[in-house]
Amino acid sequence: MIDLKGKVAVVFGLANKRSIAWAIAQKLSEAGASLAICYQNERLQRDAEELAADLPDAKTFRCDVSLDADIDAVFEQLKTTYGKLDIVVHSVAFAPADAIKNDFLLTAREDFRVALDVSAYSLIAVARGAAPLMTEGGSILTLTYYGSDKVFPNYNVMGVAKAALESSVRYLAASLGSKKIRVNAISAGPIKTLAARGIGDFSKILNAVEERAPLHRNVDALEVGNTALFLSSDLASGITGEVTFVDCGYNVTGL
C-alpha cells in the first residue's frame, strides 16, 4: 500500500465531483497526503469547498492559472500554510468554444493563443512557482489526451495544445531533474467530465473506445487516480518525462 503521510499535494483544476482532478485528490488523500485544492474562480468555489470537506486535512485556495499574479499569490499562501510541497497535480485545459467546434483551418489567432496559454503554458508557470517549495524533490503531474498525437473529430486546437503540453513535460523534466523533481503526464481515455461536454459527438468517441480498446470498455476516473497515486509516490522514483496511457489500451490499436 502506498503511504503518503507527511506529504503535501496541491491539485489545480478541480471543477466538480466528475473531475479527474477530484478522483486524483481522493486517491492522494486516501494514501495520507495533506491536500490543497485550487479552484479557478468564485463560481467554482462552492463545489471545491464542499468536496474538500469530504477529505481529512484538505484546504481550498483560489487560483486562475492564466494570471501570473494569482499563481504568485497562491504559492505564497501555500508556503505560509504548509512550508513545503511534495506533489503538484495540473489538471487544467481550456479553449474557446469556437476553436473546438469550428473546422481547425478556421482557428482564430486569439483562440489559439488562449488554448496554448491555459492548457500548456500554465504547467510551466505552475512548475516554476512550485519548484522552490519542493525542497525534498517530488512529483509534478499533468493530464493529457491521445488527441495530441492523433486527429479526433471536434478536438481541433485542443489537440495542438495537448501536444505542446506533452513536449513541455519533457523539457520540464530536464529542467527540474537536478532538483529531484519528476514531471510526468497521464493520457487518460475519454471520461464524461465538464470539459468533455464541449466536444461535439463525444459519445462517438466513447463508443469507439468501447468497441476497439483491448479491454472493450472506457476507463474510470478513479483508475486515472490510481495511476496518479503511483506516479506521485516513491514507487515511481525512476520515472520522469513520460506520458502514461490509462485508456484501456485504446492507443495501441490500429483497426
C-alpha atoms as a PDB file:
ATOM      1  CA  MET A   1       0.000   0.000   0.000  1.00  0.00           C
ATOM      2  CA  ILE A   2       1.326   3.448  -0.911  1.00  0.00           C
ATOM      3  CA  ASP A   3       1.898   5.698   2.094  1.00  0.00           C
ATOM      4  CA  LEU A   4       1.935   9.468   1.542  1.00  0.00           C
ATOM      5  CA  LYS A   5       1.665  10.503   5.185  1.00  0.00           C
ATOM      6  CA  GLY A   6       3.604  13.710   5.774  1.00  0.00           C
ATOM      7  CA  LYS A   7       3.376  14.658   2.081  1.00  0.00           C
ATOM      8  CA  VAL A   8       1.650  17.806   0.839  1.00  0.00           C
ATOM      9  CA  ALA A   9      -0.150  17.735  -2.506  1.00  0.00           C
ATOM     10  CA  VAL A  10      -1.674  20.647  -4.405  1.00  0.00           C
ATOM     11  CA  VAL A  11      -4.266  19.924  -7.079  1.00  0.00           C
ATOM     12  CA  PHE A  12      -5.094  22.526  -9.728  1.00  0.00           C
ATOM     13  CA  GLY A  13      -8.216  22.295 -11.869  1.00  0.00           C
ATOM     14  CA  LEU A  14     -10.919  20.806  -9.689  1.00  0.00           C
ATOM     15  CA  ALA A  15     -14.323  21.742 -11.158  1.00  0.00           C
ATOM     16  CA  ASN A  16     -16.799  19.261  -9.671  1.00  0.00           C
ATOM     17  CA  LYS A  17     -17.163  15.672  -8.462  1.00  0.00           C
ATOM     18  CA  ARG A  18     -16.802  14.347 -12.014  1.00  0.00           C
ATOM     19  CA  SER A  19     -13.402  15.996 -12.488  1.00  0.00           C
ATOM     20  CA  ILE A  20     -10.386  13.789 -12.981  1.00  0.00           C
ATOM     21  CA  ALA A  21      -8.730  16.179 -10.538  1.00  0.00           C
ATOM     22  CA  TRP A  22     -11.222  15.097  -7.879  1.00  0.00           C
ATOM     23  CA  ALA A  23     -10.529  11.410  -8.465  1.00  0.00           C
ATOM     24  CA  ILE A  24      -6.802  12.098  -8.084  1.00  0.00           C
ATOM     25  CA  ALA A  25      -7.356  14.178  -4.953  1.00  0.00           C
ATOM     26  CA  GLN A  26      -9.352  11.340  -3.390  1.00  0.00           C
ATOM     27  CA  LYS A  27      -6.633   8.784  -4.060  1.00  0.00           C
ATOM     28  CA  LEU A  28      -3.842  11.025  -2.741  1.00  0.00           C
ATOM     29  CA  SER A  29      -5.875  11.759   0.379  1.00  0.00           C
ATOM     30  CA  GLU A  30      -6.631   8.073   0.968  1.00  0.00           C
ATOM     31  CA  ALA A  31      -2.870   7.468   0.948  1.00  0.00           C
ATOM     32  CA  GLY A  32      -2.410  10.060   3.704  1.00  0.00           C
ATOM     33  CA  ALA A  33      -1.350  13.216   1.847  1.00  0.00           C
ATOM     34  CA  SER A  34      -2.493  16.645   3.004  1.00  0.00           C
ATOM     35  CA  LEU A  35      -4.454  18.220   0.150  1.00  0.00           C
ATOM     36  CA  ALA A  36      -4.534  21.791  -1.117  1.00  0.00           C
ATOM     37  CA  ILE A  37      -7.290  22.091  -3.712  1.00  0.00           C
ATOM     38  CA  CYS A  38      -7.194  25.029  -6.103  1.00  0.00           C
ATOM     39  CA  TYR A  39     -10.273  26.270  -7.936  1.00  0.00           C
ATOM     40  CA  GLN A  40     -10.352  28.868 -10.706  1.00  0.00           C
ATOM     41  CA  ASN A  41     -12.905  31.432  -9.570  1.00  0.00           C
ATOM     42  CA  GLU A  42     -15.805  32.226  -7.263  1.00  0.00           C
ATOM     43  CA  ARG A  43     -18.242  30.317  -9.489  1.00  0.00           C
ATOM     44  CA  LEU A  44     -16.398  27.082  -8.700  1.00  0.00           C
ATOM     45  CA  GLN A  45     -15.647  27.908  -5.069  1.00  0.00           C
ATOM     46  CA  ARG A  46     -18.703  26.282  -3.533  1.00  0.00           C
ATOM     47  CA  ASP A  47     -18.168  22.919  -5.255  1.00  0.00           C
ATOM     48  CA  ALA A  48     -14.483  22.938  -4.323  1.00  0.00           C
ATOM     49  CA  GLU A  49     -15.206  23.692  -0.679  1.00  0.00           C
ATOM     50  CA  GLU A  50     -17.931  21.051  -0.442  1.00  0.00           C
ATOM     51  CA  LEU A  51     -15.668  18.398  -1.956  1.00  0.00           C
ATOM     52  CA  ALA A  52     -12.692  19.389   0.185  1.00  0.00           C
ATOM     53  CA  ALA A  53     -14.873  18.982   3.271  1.00  0.00           C
ATOM     54  CA  ASP A  54     -15.059  15.259   2.470  1.00  0.00           C
ATOM     55  CA  LEU A  55     -11.287  14.889   2.738  1.00  0.00           C
ATOM     56  CA  PRO A  56      -9.385  14.992   6.034  1.00  0.00           C
ATOM     57  CA  ASP A  57      -6.979  17.899   6.349  1.00  0.00           C
ATOM     58  CA  ALA A  58      -7.872  19.451   2.965  1.00  0.00           C
ATOM     59  CA  LYS A  59      -7.907  23.187   2.312  1.00  0.00           C
ATOM     60  CA  THR A  60      -9.049  25.235  -0.678  1.00  0.00           C
ATOM     61  CA  PHE A  61      -7.328  28.102  -2.491  1.00  0.00           C
ATOM     62  CA  ARG A  62      -8.405  30.279  -5.416  1.00  0.00           C
ATOM     63  CA  CYS A  63      -6.064  30.441  -8.409  1.00  0.00           C
ATOM     64  CA  ASP A  64      -6.655  31.300 -12.049  1.00  0.00           C
ATOM     65  CA  VAL A  65      -3.589  29.797 -13.741  1.00  0.00           C
ATOM     66  CA  SER A  66      -3.901  32.216 -16.662  1.00  0.00           C
ATOM     67  CA  LEU A  67      -2.882  35.040 -14.302  1.00  0.00           C
ATOM     68  CA  ASP A  68       0.714  35.255 -13.059  1.00  0.00           C
ATOM     69  CA  ALA A  69      -0.401  37.334 -10.075  1.00  0.00           C
ATOM     70  CA  ASP A  70      -2.771  34.545  -8.987  1.00  0.00           C
ATOM     71  CA  ILE A  71      -0.039  31.931  -9.317  1.00  0.00           C
ATOM     72  CA  ASP A  72       2.415  34.025  -7.303  1.00  0.00           C
ATOM     73  CA  ALA A  73      -0.219  34.659  -4.645  1.00  0.00           C
ATOM     74  CA  VAL A  74      -1.305  31.048  -4.252  1.00  0.00           C
ATOM     75  CA  PHE A  75       2.245  29.757  -3.858  1.00  0.00           C
ATOM     76  CA  GLU A  76       2.874  32.377  -1.188  1.00  0.00           C
ATOM     77  CA  GLN A  77      -0.253  31.110   0.577  1.00  0.00           C
ATOM     78  CA  LEU A  78       0.891  27.516   0.221  1.00  0.00           C
ATOM     79  CA  LYS A  79       4.321  28.394   1.583  1.00  0.00           C
ATOM     80  CA  THR A  80       2.752  30.079   4.602  1.00  0.00           C
ATOM     81  CA  THR A  81       0.284  27.228   5.184  1.00  0.00           C
ATOM     82  CA  TYR A  82       2.475  24.180   4.567  1.00  0.00           C
ATOM     83  CA  GLY A  83       6.079  25.319   4.302  1.00  0.00           C
ATOM     84  CA  LYS A  84       6.781  22.815   1.517  1.00  0.00           C
ATOM     85  CA  LEU A  85       5.209  20.848  -1.324  1.00  0.00           C
ATOM     86  CA  ASP A  86       5.783  17.272  -2.465  1.00  0.00           C
ATOM     87  CA  ILE A  87       3.181  16.685  -5.169  1.00  0.00           C
ATOM     88  CA  VAL A  88       1.676  19.021  -7.773  1.00  0.00           C
ATOM     89  CA  VAL A  89      -1.224  17.960  -9.995  1.00  0.00           C
ATOM     90  CA  HIS A  90      -2.030  20.159 -13.012  1.00  0.00           C
ATOM     91  CA  SER A  91      -5.449  19.188 -14.382  1.00  0.00           C
ATOM     92  CA  VAL A  92      -6.177  22.322 -16.394  1.00  0.00           C
ATOM     93  CA  ALA A  93      -7.238  22.809 -20.014  1.00  0.00           C
ATOM     94  CA  PHE A  94      -9.363  25.314 -21.890  1.00  0.00           C
ATOM     95  CA  ALA A  95     -10.046  26.512 -25.419  1.00  0.00           C
ATOM     96  CA  PRO A  96     -12.713  28.960 -26.584  1.00  0.00           C
ATOM     97  CA  ALA A  97     -15.842  27.217 -27.873  1.00  0.00           C
ATOM     98  CA  ASP A  98     -15.357  28.374 -31.469  1.00  0.00           C
ATOM     99  CA  ALA A  99     -11.889  26.841 -31.565  1.00  0.00           C
ATOM    100  CA  ILE A 100     -13.359  23.485 -30.568  1.00  0.00           C
ATOM    101  CA  LYS A 101     -16.486  23.352 -32.723  1.00  0.00           C
ATOM    102  CA  ASN A 102     -15.218  25.053 -35.906  1.00  0.00           C
ATOM    103  CA  ASP A 103     -13.054  23.474 -38.594  1.00  0.00           C
ATOM    104  CA  PHE A 104      -9.420  23.553 -37.459  1.00  0.00           C
ATOM    105  CA  LEU A 105      -8.491  25.628 -40.515  1.00  0.00           C
ATOM    106  CA  LEU A 106     -10.655  28.444 -39.142  1.00  0.00           C
ATOM    107  CA  THR A 107      -8.884  28.654 -35.768  1.00  0.00           C
ATOM    108  CA  ALA A 108      -8.554  32.320 -34.825  1.00  0.00           C
ATOM    109  CA  ARG A 109      -5.186  33.653 -33.679  1.00  0.00           C
ATOM    110  CA  GLU A 110      -6.528  34.793 -30.299  1.00  0.00           C
ATOM    111  CA  ASP A 111      -8.337  31.490 -29.680  1.00  0.00           C
ATOM    112  CA  PHE A 112      -5.105  29.632 -30.450  1.00  0.00           C
ATOM    113  CA  ARG A 113      -3.210  31.838 -28.003  1.00  0.00           C
ATOM    114  CA  VAL A 114      -5.735  31.278 -25.228  1.00  0.00           C
ATOM    115  CA  ALA A 115      -5.785  27.497 -25.722  1.00  0.00           C
ATOM    116  CA  LEU A 116      -1.998  27.212 -25.624  1.00  0.00           C
ATOM    117  CA  ASP A 117      -1.676  29.652 -22.715  1.00  0.00           C
ATOM    118  CA  VAL A 118      -4.177  27.980 -20.411  1.00  0.00           C
ATOM    119  CA  SER A 119      -3.643  24.366 -21.451  1.00  0.00           C
ATOM    120  CA  ALA A 120       0.143  24.251 -21.879  1.00  0.00           C
ATOM    121  CA  TYR A 121       1.982  27.343 -20.652  1.00  0.00           C
ATOM    122  CA  SER A 122       0.201  27.202 -17.302  1.00  0.00           C
ATOM    123  CA  LEU A 123       2.078  23.976 -16.493  1.00  0.00           C
ATOM    124  CA  ILE A 124       5.370  25.835 -16.891  1.00  0.00           C
ATOM    125  CA  ALA A 125       4.166  28.707 -14.724  1.00  0.00           C
ATOM    126  CA  VAL A 126       2.857  26.364 -12.024  1.00  0.00           C
ATOM    127  CA  ALA A 127       6.076  24.322 -12.029  1.00  0.00           C
ATOM    128  CA  ARG A 128       8.138  27.496 -11.673  1.00  0.00           C
ATOM    129  CA  GLY A 129       6.065  28.548  -8.677  1.00  0.00           C
ATOM    130  CA  ALA A 130       6.161  25.116  -7.079  1.00  0.00           C
ATOM    131  CA  ALA A 131       9.838  24.257  -7.505  1.00  0.00           C
ATOM    132  CA  PRO A 132      11.195  26.453  -4.671  1.00  0.00           C
ATOM    133  CA  LEU A 133       8.764  24.762  -2.266  1.00  0.00           C
ATOM    134  CA  MET A 134       9.672  21.235  -3.383  1.00  0.00           C
ATOM    135  CA  THR A 135      12.787  21.247  -1.249  1.00  0.00           C
ATOM    136  CA  GLU A 136      12.889  17.451  -0.933  1.00  0.00           C
ATOM    137  CA  GLY A 137      12.108  16.788  -4.585  1.00  0.00           C
ATOM    138  CA  GLY A 138       8.776  15.318  -5.582  1.00  0.00           C
ATOM    139  CA  SER A 139       6.321  14.849  -8.419  1.00  0.00           C
ATOM    140  CA  ILE A 140       4.615  17.188 -10.865  1.00  0.00           C
ATOM    141  CA  LEU A 141       1.840  15.574 -12.864  1.00  0.00           C
ATOM    142  CA  THR A 142      -0.393  16.821 -15.678  1.00  0.00           C
ATOM    143  CA  LEU A 143      -3.288  15.393 -17.691  1.00  0.00           C
ATOM    144  CA  THR A 144      -3.238  14.967 -21.458  1.00  0.00           C
ATOM    145  CA  TYR A 145      -5.163  13.096 -24.163  1.00  0.00           C
ATOM    146  CA  TYR A 146      -4.408  10.977 -27.238  1.00  0.00           C
ATOM    147  CA  GLY A 147      -5.715  13.811 -29.412  1.00  0.00           C
ATOM    148  CA  SER A 148      -2.216  15.267 -29.027  1.00  0.00           C
ATOM    149  CA  ASP A 149      -0.917  12.577 -31.371  1.00  0.00           C
ATOM    150  CA  LYS A 150      -3.894  11.517 -33.494  1.00  0.00           C
ATOM    151  CA  VAL A 151      -6.729  13.510 -35.032  1.00  0.00           C
ATOM    152  CA  PHE A 152     -10.046  13.218 -33.186  1.00  0.00           C
ATOM    153  CA  PRO A 153     -13.216  14.833 -34.529  1.00  0.00           C
ATOM    154  CA  ASN A 154     -14.147  18.071 -32.780  1.00  0.00           C
ATOM    155  CA  TYR A 155     -10.970  18.169 -30.676  1.00  0.00           C
ATOM    156  CA  ASN A 156      -9.190  20.589 -33.008  1.00  0.00           C
ATOM    157  CA  VAL A 157      -6.979  23.217 -31.331  1.00  0.00           C
ATOM    158  CA  MET A 158      -7.022  21.308 -28.052  1.00  0.00           C
ATOM    159  CA  GLY A 159      -5.053  18.541 -29.749  1.00  0.00           C
ATOM    160  CA  VAL A 160      -2.334  21.049 -30.618  1.00  0.00           C
ATOM    161  CA  ALA A 161      -2.394  22.393 -27.060  1.00  0.00           C
ATOM    162  CA  LYS A 162      -2.006  18.888 -25.617  1.00  0.00           C
ATOM    163  CA  ALA A 163       0.929  18.217 -27.953  1.00  0.00           C
ATOM    164  CA  ALA A 164       2.590  21.366 -26.584  1.00  0.00           C
ATOM    165  CA  LEU A 165       1.776  20.229 -23.049  1.00  0.00           C
ATOM    166  CA  GLU A 166       3.440  16.847 -23.581  1.00  0.00           C
ATOM    167  CA  SER A 167       6.549  18.472 -25.023  1.00  0.00           C
ATOM    168  CA  SER A 168       6.600  20.821 -22.027  1.00  0.00           C
ATOM    169  CA  VAL A 169       6.572  17.778 -19.736  1.00  0.00           C
ATOM    170  CA  ARG A 170       9.790  16.533 -21.319  1.00  0.00           C
ATOM    171  CA  TYR A 171      11.558  19.894 -21.167  1.00  0.00           C
ATOM    172  CA  LEU A 172      10.444  20.494 -17.578  1.00  0.00           C
ATOM    173  CA  ALA A 173      11.669  17.021 -16.619  1.00  0.00           C
ATOM    174  CA  ALA A 174      15.102  18.024 -17.935  1.00  0.00           C
ATOM    175  CA  SER A 175      14.987  21.399 -16.180  1.00  0.00           C
ATOM    176  CA  LEU A 176      13.913  20.057 -12.794  1.00  0.00           C
ATOM    177  CA  GLY A 177      15.657  16.691 -12.661  1.00  0.00           C
ATOM    178  CA  SER A 178      18.663  18.080 -10.779  1.00  0.00           C
ATOM    179  CA  LYS A 179      16.251  19.168  -8.026  1.00  0.00           C
ATOM    180  CA  LYS A 180      14.905  15.592  -7.787  1.00  0.00           C
ATOM    181  CA  ILE A 181      11.569  16.795  -9.143  1.00  0.00           C
ATOM    182  CA  ARG A 182       9.928  14.402 -11.579  1.00  0.00           C
ATOM    183  CA  VAL A 183       7.488  15.632 -14.254  1.00  0.00           C
ATOM    184  CA  ASN A 184       5.070  13.261 -15.956  1.00  0.00           C
ATOM    185  CA  ALA A 185       1.741  13.181 -17.784  1.00  0.00           C
ATOM    186  CA  ILE A 186      -1.202  10.801 -17.770  1.00  0.00           C
ATOM    187  CA  SER A 187      -3.028  10.369 -21.064  1.00  0.00           C
ATOM    188  CA  ALA A 188      -6.468   9.393 -19.865  1.00  0.00           C
ATOM    189  CA  GLY A 189      -9.090   7.843 -22.074  1.00  0.00           C
ATOM    190  CA  PRO A 190     -12.322   9.787 -22.666  1.00  0.00           C
ATOM    191  CA  ILE A 191     -14.298  10.420 -19.482  1.00  0.00           C
ATOM    192  CA  LYS A 192     -17.585  12.289 -19.046  1.00  0.00           C
ATOM    193  CA  THR A 193     -16.255  15.411 -17.362  1.00  0.00           C
ATOM    194  CA  LEU A 194     -17.364  19.040 -17.520  1.00  0.00           C
ATOM    195  CA  ALA A 195     -14.663  19.721 -20.111  1.00  0.00           C
ATOM    196  CA  ALA A 196     -15.826  16.805 -22.267  1.00  0.00           C
ATOM    197  CA  ARG A 197     -19.227  18.444 -22.721  1.00  0.00           C
ATOM    198  CA  GLY A 198     -17.619  20.956 -25.050  1.00  0.00           C
ATOM    199  CA  ILE A 199     -16.554  18.266 -27.530  1.00  0.00           C
ATOM    200  CA  GLY A 200     -19.183  17.582 -30.192  1.00  0.00           C
ATOM    201  CA  ASP A 201     -20.349  13.974 -30.650  1.00  0.00           C
ATOM    202  CA  PHE A 202     -18.351  12.941 -27.589  1.00  0.00           C
ATOM    203  CA  SER A 203     -20.453   9.793 -27.298  1.00  0.00           C
ATOM    204  CA  LYS A 204     -18.989   8.574 -30.605  1.00  0.00           C
ATOM    205  CA  ILE A 205     -15.517   8.643 -29.083  1.00  0.00           C
ATOM    206  CA  LEU A 206     -16.747   6.713 -26.038  1.00  0.00           C
ATOM    207  CA  ASN A 207     -18.382   4.122 -28.284  1.00  0.00           C
ATOM    208  CA  ALA A 208     -15.271   3.738 -30.431  1.00  0.00           C
ATOM    209  CA  VAL A 209     -13.108   3.091 -27.377  1.00  0.00           C
ATOM    210  CA  GLU A 210     -15.544   0.521 -26.021  1.00  0.00           C
ATOM    211  CA  GLU A 211     -15.555  -1.277 -29.370  1.00  0.00           C
ATOM    212  CA  ARG A 212     -11.820  -1.167 -30.190  1.00  0.00           C
ATOM    213  CA  ALA A 213      -9.890  -0.970 -26.931  1.00  0.00           C
ATOM    214  CA  PRO A 214      -8.380  -4.301 -25.823  1.00  0.00           C
ATOM    215  CA  LEU A 215     -10.381  -4.138 -22.585  1.00  0.00           C
ATOM    216  CA  HIS A 216     -13.573  -3.229 -24.501  1.00  0.00           C
ATOM    217  CA  ARG A 217     -14.655  -0.562 -22.058  1.00  0.00           C
ATOM    218  CA  ASN A 218     -13.978   3.030 -21.124  1.00  0.00           C
ATOM    219  CA  VAL A 219     -11.698   3.983 -18.282  1.00  0.00           C
ATOM    220  CA  ASP A 220     -12.991   5.185 -14.921  1.00  0.00           C
ATOM    221  CA  ALA A 221     -11.699   8.407 -13.349  1.00  0.00           C
ATOM    222  CA  LEU A 222     -10.614   6.531 -10.233  1.00  0.00           C
ATOM    223  CA  GLU A 223      -8.364   4.335 -12.391  1.00  0.00           C
ATOM    224  CA  VAL A 224      -6.655   7.525 -13.520  1.00  0.00           C
ATOM    225  CA  GLY A 225      -6.444   8.464  -9.848  1.00  0.00           C
ATOM    226  CA  ASN A 226      -4.684   5.180  -9.072  1.00  0.00           C
ATOM    227  CA  THR A 227      -2.063   5.868 -11.740  1.00  0.00           C
ATOM    228  CA  ALA A 228      -1.584   9.393 -10.428  1.00  0.00           C
ATOM    229  CA  LEU A 229      -1.055   7.960  -6.961  1.00  0.00           C
ATOM    230  CA  PHE A 230       1.639   5.618  -8.266  1.00  0.00           C
ATOM    231  CA  LEU A 231       3.421   8.346 -10.255  1.00  0.00           C
ATOM    232  CA  SER A 232       3.301  10.649  -7.226  1.00  0.00           C
ATOM    233  CA  SER A 233       4.886   8.049  -4.952  1.00  0.00           C
ATOM    234  CA  ASP A 234       8.419   6.797  -4.431  1.00  0.00           C
ATOM    235  CA  LEU A 235       7.477   3.661  -6.373  1.00  0.00           C
ATOM    236  CA  ALA A 236       7.863   5.820  -9.499  1.00  0.00           C
ATOM    237  CA  SER A 237      11.144   7.381  -8.373  1.00  0.00           C
ATOM    238  CA  GLY A 238      12.869   6.484 -11.662  1.00  0.00           C
ATOM    239  CA  ILE A 239      10.124   7.760 -13.972  1.00  0.00           C
ATOM    240  CA  THR A 240      10.174  11.282 -15.409  1.00  0.00           C
ATOM    241  CA  GLY A 241       9.377  12.975 -18.703  1.00  0.00           C
ATOM    242  CA  GLU A 242       6.906  10.245 -19.616  1.00  0.00           C
ATOM    243  CA  VAL A 243       3.332  10.065 -20.888  1.00  0.00           C
ATOM    244  CA  THR A 244       1.495   7.126 -19.314  1.00  0.00           C
ATOM    245  CA  PHE A 245      -1.660   5.954 -21.077  1.00  0.00           C
ATOM    246  CA  VAL A 246      -4.650   4.984 -18.954  1.00  0.00           C
ATOM    247  CA  ASP A 247      -7.181   4.302 -21.702  1.00  0.00           C
ATOM    248  CA  CYS A 248      -7.943   0.563 -21.531  1.00  0.00           C
ATOM    249  CA  GLY A 249      -5.336   0.069 -24.248  1.00  0.00           C
ATOM    250  CA  TYR A 250      -7.089   2.065 -26.973  1.00  0.00           C
ATOM    251  CA  ASN A 251      -3.862   3.810 -28.045  1.00  0.00           C
ATOM    252  CA  VAL A 252      -2.196   0.528 -29.091  1.00  0.00           C
ATOM    253  CA  THR A 253      -4.875  -0.427 -31.603  1.00  0.00           C
ATOM    254  CA  GLY A 254      -4.922   0.098 -35.351  1.00  0.00           C
ATOM    255  CA  LEU A 255      -8.097  -1.268 -36.918  1.00  0.00           C
END
